Structures are given as structure tokens and as C-alpha cells.
Amino acid sequence: MNLNHANKTPAPLEQLVYIVDDDEALRDSLIWLLESAGLKAQAFDSAETFLTAWSDSMSGCLVLDIRMPGMSGLELHERLNAMHSTLPVIFITGHGDVPMAVSALKKGAADFIEKPFNDYDMINLIQNALITDRKRHDARAQEADAQRRIEALTPREREVLELIVAGRLNKQIADDLGISIKTVEVHRARVMEKMGVHSLAELVQHVMITSPKDE
């Protein structure tokens, strides 16, 4: 089975800018600003309504007011972190909120901007957040593809793969597994083909991205 041509061209990534702010006028002005810049946006009037709509399949970024009635922006950010959300978060802060925003940055927020903000600065922050989101999405897709390819290997091919990545030479692999060097060469060629790689360095990179990450 040749997996190099098994994938269809992936659909374009649909990114939205999610705005969460209790200020209706600000929500409306941000939507107008974003749409005028060619970006798609969706607004929510509270953290609770956004949390109800949230899905781990969302792509884009979140523009989040730090202070709101009910659940605050900081509380929503913490809830999203607990659910392993990867949406980049840009906090909108008012006077005196900067220390809280800095604390949020340490907890994974992408950035923050103070009111009143410059439209150009806001667009620039959002564009950077969308780039970050796209990179994360691409990394997850690469990891899933590499994992799928590894799972398509036979048990013997997986054994050979593990030994190749461990730095064992063909003769050493043959001795380890009690098979001929020729058989190792055949398995090695099939592993390279199924993994969709052309070099040892590429093979190691594919295996590394599927390895468990340290918390």
C-alpha cells in the first residue's frame, strides 16, 4: 500500500475570530473592523454563551474582554485551558487590568490590548494569532498523519522502525531480529514508503512528533 498518494488535498482551514464582550457597541465595531479586513467574526455577549458554543474543532482566535458580569474573561480562559483549548486568546483590557493581563500571558494567552485601542494594532494582533493557530493546526495534522502511517505498518515493520530510529545498522537489526540483511533492507524500504519519507532524518522527525509530550 503506497500511502504517499493516499491523502486527498485537505480542505482550507476555516478560521473565525470569536469576540466575547458584554459591550454591544464594541462587539459591533469589532465585527465591522474585522469584516472590512476580510476576516470572518462571530460575537458573544458573555463568557457563558461562548462556553456553551465552544468546540475543540474551533479554529481562529478569541478576542476576550478581561472584565465582564458573571464569568470574567480570566475565568473563561482558565476553563478553556482546563479543556485543552488551543485557540489563541487576545485579552481586551481596561485601565488597571494590565497586571491581570500579564498574569494571563503567563498562563498561555497570546497577547492583550488596552482600551481604547488602535484599529491597526488590533488587526495586527489578530493576524498574528491566526498565524499561530494555523501553525498549531498544521502541527496537529502532521502528527495525526504520522500516527496513521505508523499504525499502517506490520508488527515486523514497526520493530524495524524502532531499531532504525534507535540508530541500529542493517546488520545489527538483522542480528537483533534473527533475520537476513536482505530481509531487513526490504522491510526498511517498505517502512520508508509507508511513512512517506525519503531520508533517515525525515523518518526520525515523523516518529518524534508522535512521541508522548512531557507535561
N, C-alpha and C. Protein backbone atom coordinates (compact mmCIF):
# COMPACT_ATOMS: atom_id res chain seq x y z
N MET A 1 0.85 -1.20 0.00
CA MET A 1 0.00 0.00 0.00
C MET A 1 0.88 1.25 0.00
N ASN A 2 0.73 2.08 -0.99
CA ASN A 2 1.52 3.31 -1.05
C ASN A 2 0.73 4.44 -0.42
N LEU A 3 1.20 4.91 0.74
CA LEU A 3 0.48 5.95 1.46
C LEU A 3 0.84 7.35 0.99
N ASN A 4 1.83 7.45 0.10
CA ASN A 4 2.23 8.78 -0.35
C ASN A 4 1.10 9.48 -1.09
N HIS A 5 0.27 8.69 -1.74
CA HIS A 5 -0.80 9.29 -2.54
C HIS A 5 -2.17 8.99 -1.95
N ALA A 6 -2.20 8.55 -0.70
CA ALA A 6 -3.47 8.15 -0.09
C ALA A 6 -4.29 9.34 0.36
N ASN A 7 -3.64 10.46 0.65
CA ASN A 7 -4.36 11.61 1.17
C ASN A 7 -4.91 12.49 0.07
N LYS A 8 -6.12 12.94 0.23
CA LYS A 8 -6.67 13.93 -0.66
C LYS A 8 -6.21 15.31 -0.19
N THR A 9 -6.28 16.29 -1.07
CA THR A 9 -5.90 17.64 -0.68
C THR A 9 -6.81 18.09 0.46
N PRO A 10 -6.23 18.51 1.60
CA PRO A 10 -7.07 18.90 2.73
C PRO A 10 -7.89 20.15 2.43
N ALA A 11 -9.06 20.22 3.05
CA ALA A 11 -9.91 21.39 2.86
C ALA A 11 -9.25 22.60 3.51
N PRO A 12 -9.45 23.80 2.94
CA PRO A 12 -8.87 25.00 3.55
C PRO A 12 -9.35 25.16 4.99
N LEU A 13 -8.44 25.62 5.83
CA LEU A 13 -8.77 25.81 7.25
C LEU A 13 -9.72 26.99 7.40
N GLU A 14 -10.88 26.75 8.01
CA GLU A 14 -11.87 27.80 8.25
C GLU A 14 -11.59 28.46 9.59
N GLN A 15 -11.08 29.67 9.56
CA GLN A 15 -10.74 30.37 10.79
C GLN A 15 -11.73 31.50 11.04
N LEU A 16 -12.18 31.61 12.29
CA LEU A 16 -13.07 32.68 12.70
C LEU A 16 -12.44 33.43 13.87
N VAL A 17 -12.77 34.70 13.97
CA VAL A 17 -12.37 35.48 15.13
C VAL A 17 -13.59 35.53 16.04
N TYR A 18 -13.45 34.94 17.21
CA TYR A 18 -14.55 34.90 18.17
C TYR A 18 -14.39 36.06 19.15
N ILE A 19 -15.41 36.91 19.22
CA ILE A 19 -15.38 38.09 20.08
C ILE A 19 -16.31 37.84 21.27
N VAL A 20 -15.76 37.98 22.47
CA VAL A 20 -16.58 37.81 23.67
C VAL A 20 -16.46 39.08 24.50
N ASP A 21 -17.56 39.85 24.52
CA ASP A 21 -17.56 41.14 25.23
C ASP A 21 -19.01 41.51 25.54
N ASP A 22 -19.25 42.02 26.75
CA ASP A 22 -20.62 42.38 27.12
C ASP A 22 -21.03 43.73 26.54
N ASP A 23 -20.10 44.46 25.93
CA ASP A 23 -20.38 45.78 25.34
C ASP A 23 -20.84 45.60 23.89
N GLU A 24 -22.14 45.80 23.66
CA GLU A 24 -22.69 45.58 22.32
C GLU A 24 -22.06 46.48 21.28
N ALA A 25 -21.83 47.75 21.64
CA ALA A 25 -21.24 48.68 20.68
C ALA A 25 -19.83 48.23 20.28
N LEU A 26 -19.07 47.76 21.25
CA LEU A 26 -17.72 47.28 20.95
C LEU A 26 -17.76 46.04 20.08
N ARG A 27 -18.69 45.14 20.37
CA ARG A 27 -18.82 43.93 19.54
C ARG A 27 -19.13 44.31 18.10
N ASP A 28 -20.08 45.22 17.93
CA ASP A 28 -20.47 45.62 16.58
C ASP A 28 -19.32 46.30 15.83
N SER A 29 -18.57 47.14 16.53
CA SER A 29 -17.47 47.86 15.87
C SER A 29 -16.35 46.89 15.50
N LEU A 30 -16.11 45.90 16.36
CA LEU A 30 -15.07 44.92 16.05
C LEU A 30 -15.46 44.04 14.87
N ILE A 31 -16.71 43.65 14.81
CA ILE A 31 -17.16 42.85 13.67
C ILE A 31 -17.00 43.65 12.38
N TRP A 32 -17.39 44.92 12.42
CA TRP A 32 -17.24 45.76 11.23
C TRP A 32 -15.78 45.87 10.83
N LEU A 33 -14.90 46.10 11.82
CA LEU A 33 -13.47 46.23 11.56
C LEU A 33 -12.91 44.96 10.94
N LEU A 34 -13.26 43.83 11.50
CA LEU A 34 -12.72 42.57 11.02
C LEU A 34 -13.23 42.22 9.63
N GLU A 35 -14.53 42.43 9.42
CA GLU A 35 -15.09 42.13 8.10
C GLU A 35 -14.52 43.06 7.04
N SER A 36 -14.23 44.31 7.42
CA SER A 36 -13.62 45.24 6.46
C SER A 36 -12.19 44.82 6.11
N ALA A 37 -11.58 44.01 6.99
CA ALA A 37 -10.23 43.49 6.75
C ALA A 37 -10.26 42.10 6.11
N GLY A 38 -11.47 41.66 5.76
CA GLY A 38 -11.60 40.37 5.10
C GLY A 38 -11.59 39.18 6.03
N LEU A 39 -11.84 39.41 7.31
CA LEU A 39 -11.84 38.33 8.30
C LEU A 39 -13.27 38.00 8.74
N LYS A 40 -13.52 36.74 9.02
CA LYS A 40 -14.82 36.31 9.49
C LYS A 40 -14.87 36.37 11.00
N ALA A 41 -15.98 36.85 11.55
CA ALA A 41 -16.08 37.01 13.00
C ALA A 41 -17.44 36.54 13.50
N GLN A 42 -17.44 36.16 14.78
CA GLN A 42 -18.68 35.77 15.45
C GLN A 42 -18.62 36.33 16.87
N ALA A 43 -19.69 36.98 17.30
CA ALA A 43 -19.67 37.68 18.59
C ALA A 43 -20.56 36.99 19.62
N PHE A 44 -20.14 37.09 20.89
CA PHE A 44 -20.90 36.55 22.02
C PHE A 44 -20.95 37.62 23.10
N ASP A 45 -22.10 37.71 23.80
CA ASP A 45 -22.26 38.78 24.79
C ASP A 45 -21.81 38.38 26.19
N SER A 46 -21.37 37.14 26.36
CA SER A 46 -20.89 36.72 27.68
C SER A 46 -19.98 35.51 27.53
N ALA A 47 -19.19 35.29 28.58
CA ALA A 47 -18.32 34.12 28.60
C ALA A 47 -19.15 32.84 28.60
N GLU A 48 -20.27 32.89 29.31
CA GLU A 48 -21.12 31.71 29.41
C GLU A 48 -21.67 31.27 28.05
N THR A 49 -22.12 32.24 27.24
CA THR A 49 -22.68 31.87 25.94
C THR A 49 -21.59 31.31 25.02
N PHE A 50 -20.38 31.87 25.12
CA PHE A 50 -19.30 31.32 24.30
C PHE A 50 -18.95 29.91 24.75
N LEU A 51 -18.90 29.70 26.05
CA LEU A 51 -18.54 28.39 26.58
C LEU A 51 -19.54 27.33 26.12
N THR A 52 -20.81 27.72 26.03
CA THR A 52 -21.83 26.79 25.55
C THR A 52 -21.60 26.41 24.10
N ALA A 53 -21.11 27.37 23.31
CA ALA A 53 -20.89 27.13 21.89
C ALA A 53 -19.52 26.53 21.59
N TRP A 54 -18.61 26.56 22.55
CA TRP A 54 -17.23 26.15 22.30
C TRP A 54 -17.13 24.69 21.86
N SER A 55 -16.22 24.46 20.92
CA SER A 55 -15.91 23.11 20.46
C SER A 55 -14.41 23.02 20.23
N ASP A 56 -13.83 21.86 20.48
CA ASP A 56 -12.39 21.73 20.27
C ASP A 56 -12.02 21.73 18.80
N SER A 57 -13.03 21.76 17.91
CA SER A 57 -12.75 21.85 16.48
C SER A 57 -12.67 23.30 16.00
N MET A 58 -12.94 24.26 16.89
CA MET A 58 -12.87 25.67 16.51
C MET A 58 -11.45 26.04 16.09
N SER A 59 -11.36 26.83 15.01
CA SER A 59 -10.08 27.36 14.56
C SER A 59 -10.20 28.87 14.41
N GLY A 60 -9.12 29.57 14.70
CA GLY A 60 -9.12 31.03 14.61
C GLY A 60 -8.47 31.61 15.84
N CYS A 61 -9.14 32.56 16.47
CA CYS A 61 -8.65 33.12 17.73
C CYS A 61 -9.82 33.71 18.50
N LEU A 62 -9.54 34.01 19.76
CA LEU A 62 -10.57 34.54 20.66
C LEU A 62 -10.15 35.92 21.15
N VAL A 63 -11.01 36.91 20.90
CA VAL A 63 -10.79 38.26 21.42
C VAL A 63 -11.72 38.40 22.62
N LEU A 64 -11.13 38.54 23.80
CA LEU A 64 -11.87 38.34 25.04
C LEU A 64 -11.70 39.52 26.00
N ASP A 65 -12.85 40.09 26.42
CA ASP A 65 -12.82 41.17 27.41
C ASP A 65 -12.42 40.57 28.76
N ILE A 66 -11.51 41.23 29.43
CA ILE A 66 -10.99 40.67 30.68
C ILE A 66 -12.00 40.80 31.82
N ARG A 67 -12.83 41.88 31.81
CA ARG A 67 -13.84 42.08 32.86
C ARG A 67 -15.24 42.04 32.25
N MET A 68 -16.07 41.13 32.76
CA MET A 68 -17.46 41.03 32.31
C MET A 68 -18.31 40.58 33.49
N PRO A 69 -19.60 40.92 33.46
CA PRO A 69 -20.50 40.41 34.50
C PRO A 69 -20.56 38.90 34.44
N GLY A 70 -20.80 38.26 35.56
CA GLY A 70 -20.83 36.80 35.57
C GLY A 70 -19.41 36.26 35.47
N MET A 71 -19.23 35.31 34.57
CA MET A 71 -17.90 34.74 34.37
C MET A 71 -16.99 35.75 33.69
N SER A 72 -15.85 36.03 34.28
CA SER A 72 -14.92 37.00 33.71
C SER A 72 -14.13 36.37 32.56
N GLY A 73 -13.44 37.21 31.82
CA GLY A 73 -12.59 36.71 30.75
C GLY A 73 -11.49 35.81 31.28
N LEU A 74 -10.94 36.18 32.43
CA LEU A 74 -9.89 35.36 33.03
C LEU A 74 -10.41 33.97 33.41
N GLU A 75 -11.63 33.94 33.96
CA GLU A 75 -12.22 32.65 34.35
C GLU A 75 -12.49 31.80 33.11
N LEU A 76 -12.97 32.44 32.04
CA LEU A 76 -13.21 31.70 30.80
C LEU A 76 -11.89 31.13 30.27
N HIS A 77 -10.85 31.94 30.30
CA HIS A 77 -9.54 31.49 29.82
C HIS A 77 -9.07 30.26 30.61
N GLU A 78 -9.26 30.29 31.91
CA GLU A 78 -8.86 29.16 32.74
C GLU A 78 -9.69 27.91 32.42
N ARG A 79 -10.99 28.12 32.17
CA ARG A 79 -11.85 26.98 31.80
C ARG A 79 -11.39 26.39 30.47
N LEU A 80 -11.08 27.25 29.51
CA LEU A 80 -10.62 26.77 28.20
C LEU A 80 -9.29 26.03 28.31
N ASN A 81 -8.40 26.55 29.15
CA ASN A 81 -7.13 25.86 29.38
C ASN A 81 -7.37 24.46 29.95
N ALA A 82 -8.32 24.38 30.88
CA ALA A 82 -8.64 23.09 31.50
C ALA A 82 -9.20 22.10 30.48
N MET A 83 -9.84 22.63 29.42
CA MET A 83 -10.40 21.78 28.36
C MET A 83 -9.42 21.60 27.21
N HIS A 84 -8.18 22.07 27.41
CA HIS A 84 -7.11 21.92 26.42
C HIS A 84 -7.43 22.63 25.11
N SER A 85 -8.11 23.77 25.20
CA SER A 85 -8.37 24.58 24.01
C SER A 85 -7.05 25.12 23.47
N THR A 86 -6.91 25.12 22.16
CA THR A 86 -5.70 25.67 21.54
C THR A 86 -5.97 27.02 20.85
N LEU A 87 -7.17 27.56 21.03
CA LEU A 87 -7.48 28.86 20.43
C LEU A 87 -6.60 29.94 21.05
N PRO A 88 -5.82 30.68 20.26
CA PRO A 88 -5.07 31.81 20.82
C PRO A 88 -6.04 32.85 21.37
N VAL A 89 -5.71 33.41 22.54
CA VAL A 89 -6.59 34.37 23.20
C VAL A 89 -5.92 35.74 23.29
N ILE A 90 -6.65 36.76 22.82
CA ILE A 90 -6.21 38.15 22.95
C ILE A 90 -7.17 38.83 23.92
N PHE A 91 -6.63 39.32 25.02
CA PHE A 91 -7.46 39.99 26.01
C PHE A 91 -7.61 41.47 25.69
N ILE A 92 -8.84 41.98 25.84
CA ILE A 92 -9.09 43.42 25.80
C ILE A 92 -9.12 43.89 27.26
N THR A 93 -8.27 44.84 27.58
CA THR A 93 -8.16 45.27 28.98
C THR A 93 -8.54 46.74 29.12
N GLY A 94 -9.06 47.06 30.29
CA GLY A 94 -9.33 48.45 30.64
C GLY A 94 -8.26 48.98 31.56
N HIS A 95 -8.46 50.17 32.03
CA HIS A 95 -7.49 50.80 32.93
C HIS A 95 -7.32 49.96 34.20
N GLY A 96 -6.10 49.69 34.55
CA GLY A 96 -5.82 48.94 35.77
C GLY A 96 -5.83 47.43 35.61
N ASP A 97 -6.12 46.94 34.39
CA ASP A 97 -6.21 45.50 34.17
C ASP A 97 -4.90 44.88 33.67
N VAL A 98 -3.89 45.71 33.44
CA VAL A 98 -2.65 45.21 32.84
C VAL A 98 -1.99 44.11 33.69
N PRO A 99 -1.90 44.26 35.03
CA PRO A 99 -1.30 43.17 35.80
C PRO A 99 -2.03 41.83 35.61
N MET A 100 -3.37 41.88 35.51
CA MET A 100 -4.13 40.65 35.28
C MET A 100 -3.82 40.09 33.90
N ALA A 101 -3.68 40.98 32.92
CA ALA A 101 -3.39 40.53 31.56
C ALA A 101 -2.01 39.89 31.49
N VAL A 102 -1.05 40.47 32.18
CA VAL A 102 0.30 39.90 32.21
C VAL A 102 0.26 38.51 32.84
N SER A 103 -0.54 38.36 33.90
CA SER A 103 -0.70 37.06 34.53
C SER A 103 -1.30 36.05 33.56
N ALA A 104 -2.26 36.53 32.75
CA ALA A 104 -2.89 35.65 31.76
C ALA A 104 -1.89 35.21 30.70
N LEU A 105 -0.96 36.11 30.33
CA LEU A 105 0.06 35.74 29.36
C LEU A 105 0.89 34.57 29.88
N LYS A 106 1.18 34.58 31.16
CA LYS A 106 1.95 33.50 31.75
C LYS A 106 1.18 32.19 31.75
N LYS A 107 -0.14 32.28 31.61
CA LYS A 107 -0.98 31.08 31.57
C LYS A 107 -1.35 30.70 30.14
N GLY A 108 -0.67 31.32 29.17
CA GLY A 108 -0.86 30.89 27.79
C GLY A 108 -1.61 31.81 26.87
N ALA A 109 -2.09 32.97 27.36
CA ALA A 109 -2.77 33.92 26.47
C ALA A 109 -1.79 34.40 25.41
N ALA A 110 -2.30 34.73 24.22
CA ALA A 110 -1.43 35.16 23.13
C ALA A 110 -0.95 36.59 23.31
N ASP A 111 -1.85 37.48 23.76
CA ASP A 111 -1.49 38.89 23.89
C ASP A 111 -2.64 39.62 24.57
N PHE A 112 -2.44 40.93 24.77
CA PHE A 112 -3.53 41.76 25.27
C PHE A 112 -3.40 43.15 24.66
N ILE A 113 -4.50 43.87 24.65
CA ILE A 113 -4.53 45.22 24.10
C ILE A 113 -5.40 46.08 25.00
N GLU A 114 -4.97 47.30 25.24
CA GLU A 114 -5.69 48.19 26.15
C GLU A 114 -6.70 49.06 25.40
N LYS A 115 -7.83 49.32 26.07
CA LYS A 115 -8.82 50.27 25.56
C LYS A 115 -8.36 51.69 25.91
N PRO A 116 -8.62 52.66 25.03
CA PRO A 116 -9.09 52.50 23.65
C PRO A 116 -7.93 52.04 22.77
N PHE A 117 -8.21 51.13 21.86
CA PHE A 117 -7.13 50.58 21.05
C PHE A 117 -7.19 51.11 19.62
N ASN A 118 -6.03 51.07 18.98
CA ASN A 118 -5.91 51.46 17.58
C ASN A 118 -6.34 50.29 16.70
N ASP A 119 -7.15 50.59 15.67
CA ASP A 119 -7.66 49.51 14.81
C ASP A 119 -6.52 48.72 14.17
N TYR A 120 -5.49 49.42 13.73
CA TYR A 120 -4.36 48.73 13.09
C TYR A 120 -3.70 47.78 14.07
N ASP A 121 -3.52 48.21 15.31
CA ASP A 121 -2.89 47.36 16.32
C ASP A 121 -3.72 46.11 16.58
N MET A 122 -5.04 46.28 16.65
CA MET A 122 -5.92 45.14 16.88
C MET A 122 -5.83 44.14 15.73
N ILE A 123 -5.91 44.62 14.51
CA ILE A 123 -5.83 43.74 13.34
C ILE A 123 -4.49 43.00 13.33
N ASN A 124 -3.42 43.72 13.66
CA ASN A 124 -2.09 43.10 13.67
C ASN A 124 -2.02 41.96 14.69
N LEU A 125 -2.55 42.19 15.90
CA LEU A 125 -2.56 41.15 16.92
C LEU A 125 -3.38 39.94 16.45
N ILE A 126 -4.51 40.21 15.85
CA ILE A 126 -5.39 39.13 15.40
C ILE A 126 -4.73 38.32 14.28
N GLN A 127 -4.10 39.02 13.33
CA GLN A 127 -3.42 38.32 12.25
C GLN A 127 -2.33 37.41 12.79
N ASN A 128 -1.57 37.90 13.78
CA ASN A 128 -0.52 37.08 14.39
C ASN A 128 -1.11 35.87 15.10
N ALA A 129 -2.25 36.07 15.78
CA ALA A 129 -2.90 34.97 16.48
C ALA A 129 -3.41 33.92 15.49
N LEU A 130 -3.92 34.36 14.34
CA LEU A 130 -4.40 33.44 13.32
C LEU A 130 -3.25 32.63 12.73
N ILE A 131 -2.10 33.26 12.58
CA ILE A 131 -0.91 32.54 12.10
C ILE A 131 -0.52 31.46 13.10
N THR A 132 -0.53 31.83 14.39
CA THR A 132 -0.22 30.86 15.45
C THR A 132 -1.19 29.68 15.41
N ASP A 133 -2.47 30.00 15.26
CA ASP A 133 -3.49 28.95 15.22
C ASP A 133 -3.28 28.03 14.02
N ARG A 134 -2.94 28.60 12.86
CA ARG A 134 -2.72 27.79 11.67
C ARG A 134 -1.51 26.86 11.86
N LYS A 135 -0.47 27.38 12.48
CA LYS A 135 0.72 26.55 12.73
C LYS A 135 0.38 25.39 13.66
N ARG A 136 -0.42 25.67 14.69
CA ARG A 136 -0.82 24.61 15.62
C ARG A 136 -1.67 23.57 14.90
N HIS A 137 -2.57 24.04 14.05
CA HIS A 137 -3.44 23.13 13.30
C HIS A 137 -2.60 22.25 12.38
N ASP A 138 -1.64 22.85 11.68
CA ASP A 138 -0.77 22.09 10.77
C ASP A 138 0.04 21.05 11.54
N ALA A 139 0.52 21.44 12.73
CA ALA A 139 1.31 20.50 13.54
C ALA A 139 0.45 19.32 13.97
N ARG A 140 -0.80 19.60 14.38
CA ARG A 140 -1.69 18.51 14.78
C ARG A 140 -2.00 17.59 13.60
N ALA A 141 -2.19 18.17 12.42
CA ALA A 141 -2.48 17.38 11.22
C ALA A 141 -1.29 16.49 10.86
N GLN A 142 -0.08 17.04 10.98
CA GLN A 142 1.13 16.26 10.69
C GLN A 142 1.28 15.11 11.68
N GLU A 143 0.99 15.39 12.95
CA GLU A 143 1.09 14.35 13.97
C GLU A 143 0.08 13.24 13.71
N ALA A 144 -1.16 13.61 13.35
CA ALA A 144 -2.19 12.61 13.08
C ALA A 144 -1.82 11.77 11.86
N ASP A 145 -1.26 12.42 10.84
CA ASP A 145 -0.86 11.70 9.63
C ASP A 145 0.27 10.72 9.93
N ALA A 146 1.27 11.18 10.70
CA ALA A 146 2.38 10.30 11.05
C ALA A 146 1.90 9.11 11.88
N GLN A 147 0.98 9.37 12.82
CA GLN A 147 0.44 8.28 13.64
C GLN A 147 -0.32 7.28 12.80
N ARG A 148 -1.10 7.78 11.84
CA ARG A 148 -1.86 6.88 10.96
C ARG A 148 -0.91 6.01 10.14
N ARG A 149 0.18 6.59 9.68
CA ARG A 149 1.14 5.84 8.89
C ARG A 149 1.82 4.76 9.72
N ILE A 150 2.17 5.10 10.97
CA ILE A 150 2.80 4.12 11.85
C ILE A 150 1.85 2.95 12.11
N GLU A 151 0.57 3.28 12.31
CA GLU A 151 -0.42 2.23 12.59
C GLU A 151 -0.64 1.32 11.38
N ALA A 152 -0.29 1.80 10.18
CA ALA A 152 -0.44 1.00 8.97
C ALA A 152 0.71 0.02 8.77
N LEU A 153 1.77 0.14 9.57
CA LEU A 153 2.90 -0.77 9.47
C LEU A 153 2.54 -2.13 10.06
N THR A 154 3.17 -3.18 9.53
CA THR A 154 3.01 -4.50 10.12
C THR A 154 3.81 -4.56 11.43
N PRO A 155 3.52 -5.53 12.29
CA PRO A 155 4.29 -5.65 13.54
C PRO A 155 5.80 -5.72 13.28
N ARG A 156 6.21 -6.49 12.26
CA ARG A 156 7.64 -6.61 11.96
C ARG A 156 8.20 -5.27 11.48
N GLU A 157 7.43 -4.56 10.66
CA GLU A 157 7.89 -3.26 10.17
C GLU A 157 8.04 -2.26 11.32
N ARG A 158 7.17 -2.37 12.30
CA ARG A 158 7.30 -1.49 13.47
C ARG A 158 8.56 -1.81 14.26
N GLU A 159 8.87 -3.09 14.38
CA GLU A 159 10.10 -3.48 15.06
C GLU A 159 11.31 -2.91 14.34
N VAL A 160 11.31 -3.03 13.01
CA VAL A 160 12.42 -2.49 12.22
C VAL A 160 12.48 -0.97 12.37
N LEU A 161 11.33 -0.32 12.35
CA LEU A 161 11.28 1.14 12.52
C LEU A 161 11.91 1.55 13.84
N GLU A 162 11.53 0.89 14.91
CA GLU A 162 12.06 1.24 16.23
C GLU A 162 13.58 1.10 16.28
N LEU A 163 14.09 0.06 15.63
CA LEU A 163 15.53 -0.17 15.63
C LEU A 163 16.27 0.84 14.74
N ILE A 164 15.63 1.20 13.62
CA ILE A 164 16.23 2.22 12.75
C ILE A 164 16.35 3.54 13.50
N VAL A 165 15.27 3.93 14.15
CA VAL A 165 15.25 5.21 14.88
C VAL A 165 16.23 5.16 16.06
N ALA A 166 16.46 3.97 16.60
CA ALA A 166 17.42 3.82 17.70
C ALA A 166 18.86 3.89 17.21
N GLY A 167 19.02 3.98 15.88
CA GLY A 167 20.37 4.13 15.33
C GLY A 167 21.06 2.83 14.97
N ARG A 168 20.31 1.71 14.96
CA ARG A 168 20.91 0.42 14.62
C ARG A 168 21.13 0.31 13.11
N LEU A 169 22.25 -0.26 12.71
CA LEU A 169 22.56 -0.50 11.31
C LEU A 169 21.83 -1.76 10.83
N ASN A 170 21.74 -1.92 9.49
CA ASN A 170 21.01 -3.06 8.94
C ASN A 170 21.52 -4.39 9.49
N LYS A 171 22.85 -4.56 9.57
CA LYS A 171 23.42 -5.81 10.07
C LYS A 171 23.04 -6.04 11.53
N GLN A 172 23.05 -4.96 12.31
CA GLN A 172 22.67 -5.07 13.72
C GLN A 172 21.20 -5.42 13.87
N ILE A 173 20.37 -4.81 13.02
CA ILE A 173 18.93 -5.11 13.05
C ILE A 173 18.70 -6.57 12.69
N ALA A 174 19.43 -7.05 11.68
CA ALA A 174 19.30 -8.45 11.28
C ALA A 174 19.66 -9.38 12.43
N ASP A 175 20.73 -9.05 13.15
CA ASP A 175 21.14 -9.87 14.29
C ASP A 175 20.10 -9.79 15.42
N ASP A 176 19.60 -8.57 15.67
CA ASP A 176 18.62 -8.39 16.75
C ASP A 176 17.35 -9.20 16.51
N LEU A 177 16.91 -9.24 15.24
CA LEU A 177 15.63 -9.87 14.92
C LEU A 177 15.78 -11.30 14.40
N GLY A 178 17.03 -11.72 14.16
CA GLY A 178 17.25 -13.08 13.67
C GLY A 178 16.79 -13.27 12.24
N ILE A 179 16.95 -12.23 11.42
CA ILE A 179 16.57 -12.30 10.01
C ILE A 179 17.76 -11.89 9.17
N SER A 180 17.64 -12.07 7.85
CA SER A 180 18.75 -11.75 6.96
C SER A 180 18.83 -10.24 6.71
N ILE A 181 20.01 -9.79 6.32
CA ILE A 181 20.18 -8.37 5.99
C ILE A 181 19.27 -8.00 4.82
N LYS A 182 19.13 -8.90 3.85
CA LYS A 182 18.26 -8.64 2.70
C LYS A 182 16.82 -8.40 3.15
N THR A 183 16.37 -9.20 4.11
CA THR A 183 15.01 -9.02 4.61
C THR A 183 14.88 -7.68 5.33
N VAL A 184 15.92 -7.31 6.08
CA VAL A 184 15.91 -6.01 6.74
C VAL A 184 15.80 -4.89 5.70
N GLU A 185 16.53 -5.02 4.61
CA GLU A 185 16.51 -4.00 3.56
C GLU A 185 15.11 -3.87 2.95
N VAL A 186 14.44 -5.00 2.77
CA VAL A 186 13.08 -4.99 2.23
C VAL A 186 12.13 -4.29 3.20
N HIS A 187 12.22 -4.66 4.48
CA HIS A 187 11.36 -4.04 5.49
C HIS A 187 11.65 -2.54 5.58
N ARG A 188 12.92 -2.20 5.53
CA ARG A 188 13.31 -0.79 5.64
C ARG A 188 12.72 0.02 4.49
N ALA A 189 12.79 -0.54 3.28
CA ALA A 189 12.23 0.16 2.12
C ALA A 189 10.72 0.34 2.26
N ARG A 190 10.04 -0.68 2.79
CA ARG A 190 8.59 -0.58 2.97
C ARG A 190 8.24 0.44 4.05
N VAL A 191 9.04 0.48 5.12
CA VAL A 191 8.81 1.47 6.18
C VAL A 191 8.94 2.88 5.62
N MET A 192 10.00 3.11 4.84
CA MET A 192 10.21 4.44 4.27
C MET A 192 9.05 4.83 3.35
N GLU A 193 8.58 3.87 2.55
CA GLU A 193 7.48 4.14 1.62
C GLU A 193 6.19 4.43 2.38
N LYS A 194 5.86 3.59 3.35
CA LYS A 194 4.61 3.77 4.09
C LYS A 194 4.63 5.04 4.93
N MET A 195 5.80 5.42 5.43
CA MET A 195 5.90 6.65 6.22
C MET A 195 5.97 7.88 5.32
N GLY A 196 6.14 7.70 4.02
CA GLY A 196 6.15 8.83 3.10
C GLY A 196 7.38 9.69 3.23
N VAL A 197 8.54 9.07 3.54
CA VAL A 197 9.77 9.83 3.73
C VAL A 197 10.85 9.33 2.78
N HIS A 198 11.89 10.15 2.63
CA HIS A 198 12.98 9.81 1.70
C HIS A 198 14.34 9.79 2.37
N SER A 199 14.38 10.08 3.67
CA SER A 199 15.66 10.09 4.37
C SER A 199 15.46 9.64 5.81
N LEU A 200 16.57 9.23 6.42
CA LEU A 200 16.53 8.82 7.81
C LEU A 200 16.11 9.98 8.71
N ALA A 201 16.60 11.18 8.39
CA ALA A 201 16.25 12.36 9.20
C ALA A 201 14.74 12.60 9.19
N GLU A 202 14.11 12.48 8.01
CA GLU A 202 12.66 12.66 7.91
C GLU A 202 11.93 11.59 8.72
N LEU A 203 12.43 10.37 8.66
CA LEU A 203 11.81 9.27 9.38
C LEU A 203 11.84 9.53 10.89
N VAL A 204 12.99 9.96 11.39
CA VAL A 204 13.12 10.25 12.81
C VAL A 204 12.18 11.37 13.22
N GLN A 205 12.06 12.43 12.39
CA GLN A 205 11.17 13.55 12.70
C GLN A 205 9.72 13.08 12.79
N HIS A 206 9.31 12.20 11.86
CA HIS A 206 7.94 11.70 11.87
C HIS A 206 7.65 10.92 13.14
N VAL A 207 8.61 10.10 13.58
CA VAL A 207 8.41 9.31 14.78
C VAL A 207 8.40 10.22 16.02
N MET A 208 9.27 11.23 16.04
CA MET A 208 9.36 12.11 17.19
C MET A 208 8.08 12.89 17.43
N ILE A 209 7.38 13.31 16.35
CA ILE A 209 6.18 14.11 16.56
C ILE A 209 5.02 13.29 17.12
N THR A 210 5.14 11.96 17.04
CA THR A 210 4.08 11.11 17.61
C THR A 210 4.44 10.61 19.01
N SER A 211 5.65 10.98 19.47
CA SER A 211 6.07 10.53 20.80
C SER A 211 5.32 11.30 21.87
N PRO A 212 5.04 10.69 23.02
CA PRO A 212 4.34 11.39 24.11
C PRO A 212 5.10 12.63 24.51
N LYS A 213 4.36 13.74 24.72
CA LYS A 213 4.98 15.01 25.12
C LYS A 213 5.04 15.09 26.64
N ASP A 214 6.12 15.67 27.12
CA ASP A 214 6.23 15.90 28.55
C ASP A 214 5.26 16.97 28.98
N GLU A 215 4.58 16.77 30.10
CA GLU A 215 3.64 17.77 30.61
C GLU A 215 4.40 18.91 31.26
